[in-house]
Amino acid sequence: MITVSVFYLNTAGGKPDINYYLNQLLPMVQRSLAPLATHGS
């Protein structure tokens, strides 16, 4: 099992940007981890 944690800066007035995570970060993580995927497990 692989666990991925995402951290963002705690700045005054800063808010998590869900669109960034869904449209930029998650696809990048998927591309990065794809070579580690195993078949038939």
C-alpha atoms as a PDB file:
ATOM      1  CA  MET A   1       0.000   0.000   0.000  1.00  0.00           C
ATOM      2  CA  ILE A   2       1.193   3.493  -0.857  1.00  0.00           C
ATOM      3  CA  THR A   3      -0.024   6.522   1.059  1.00  0.00           C
ATOM      4  CA  VAL A   4       0.291  10.009  -0.402  1.00  0.00           C
ATOM      5  CA  SER A   5      -0.005  13.048   1.857  1.00  0.00           C
ATOM      6  CA  VAL A   6      -0.514  16.537   0.487  1.00  0.00           C
ATOM      7  CA  PHE A   7       0.463  19.578   2.514  1.00  0.00           C
ATOM      8  CA  TYR A   8      -0.096  23.226   1.748  1.00  0.00           C
ATOM      9  CA  LEU A   9       1.319  26.357   3.308  1.00  0.00           C
ATOM     10  CA  ASN A  10      -0.550  27.761   6.264  1.00  0.00           C
ATOM     11  CA  THR A  11      -0.649  31.410   5.236  1.00  0.00           C
ATOM     12  CA  ALA A  12      -2.954  34.140   6.482  1.00  0.00           C
ATOM     13  CA  GLY A  13      -6.157  34.006   4.452  1.00  0.00           C
ATOM     14  CA  GLY A  14      -4.963  30.970   2.500  1.00  0.00           C
ATOM     15  CA  LYS A  15      -7.518  28.331   1.556  1.00  0.00           C
ATOM     16  CA  PRO A  16      -7.132  24.925  -0.079  1.00  0.00           C
ATOM     17  CA  ASP A  17      -7.931  25.059  -3.787  1.00  0.00           C
ATOM     18  CA  ILE A  18      -9.969  21.924  -4.510  1.00  0.00           C
ATOM     19  CA  ASN A  19      -9.927  22.560  -8.264  1.00  0.00           C
ATOM     20  CA  TYR A  20      -6.126  22.610  -8.241  1.00  0.00           C
ATOM     21  CA  TYR A  21      -5.974  19.343  -6.316  1.00  0.00           C
ATOM     22  CA  LEU A  22      -8.520  17.610  -8.546  1.00  0.00           C
ATOM     23  CA  ASN A  23      -7.281  18.929 -11.890  1.00  0.00           C
ATOM     24  CA  GLN A  24      -3.521  19.304 -11.373  1.00  0.00           C
ATOM     25  CA  LEU A  25      -2.202  17.466  -8.343  1.00  0.00           C
ATOM     26  CA  LEU A  26      -4.135  14.185  -8.497  1.00  0.00           C
ATOM     27  CA  PRO A  27      -3.393  13.547 -12.196  1.00  0.00           C
ATOM     28  CA  MET A  28       0.304  14.277 -11.523  1.00  0.00           C
ATOM     29  CA  VAL A  29       0.334  11.794  -8.632  1.00  0.00           C
ATOM     30  CA  GLN A  30      -1.425   9.187 -10.783  1.00  0.00           C
ATOM     31  CA  ARG A  31       1.160   9.611 -13.556  1.00  0.00           C
ATOM     32  CA  SER A  32       3.997   9.401 -11.036  1.00  0.00           C
ATOM     33  CA  LEU A  33       2.715   6.228  -9.382  1.00  0.00           C
ATOM     34  CA  ALA A  34       1.523   4.422 -12.523  1.00  0.00           C
ATOM     35  CA  PRO A  35       4.877   2.627 -13.041  1.00  0.00           C
ATOM     36  CA  LEU A  36       4.535   1.121  -9.550  1.00  0.00           C
ATOM     37  CA  ALA A  37       1.143  -0.439 -10.262  1.00  0.00           C
ATOM     38  CA  THR A  38       1.084  -4.216 -10.159  1.00  0.00           C
ATOM     39  CA  HIS A  39      -1.156  -6.422 -12.224  1.00  0.00           C
ATOM     40  CA  GLY A  40      -3.095  -9.358 -10.852  1.00  0.00           C
ATOM     41  CA  SER A  41      -2.793  -8.464  -7.183  1.00  0.00           C
END
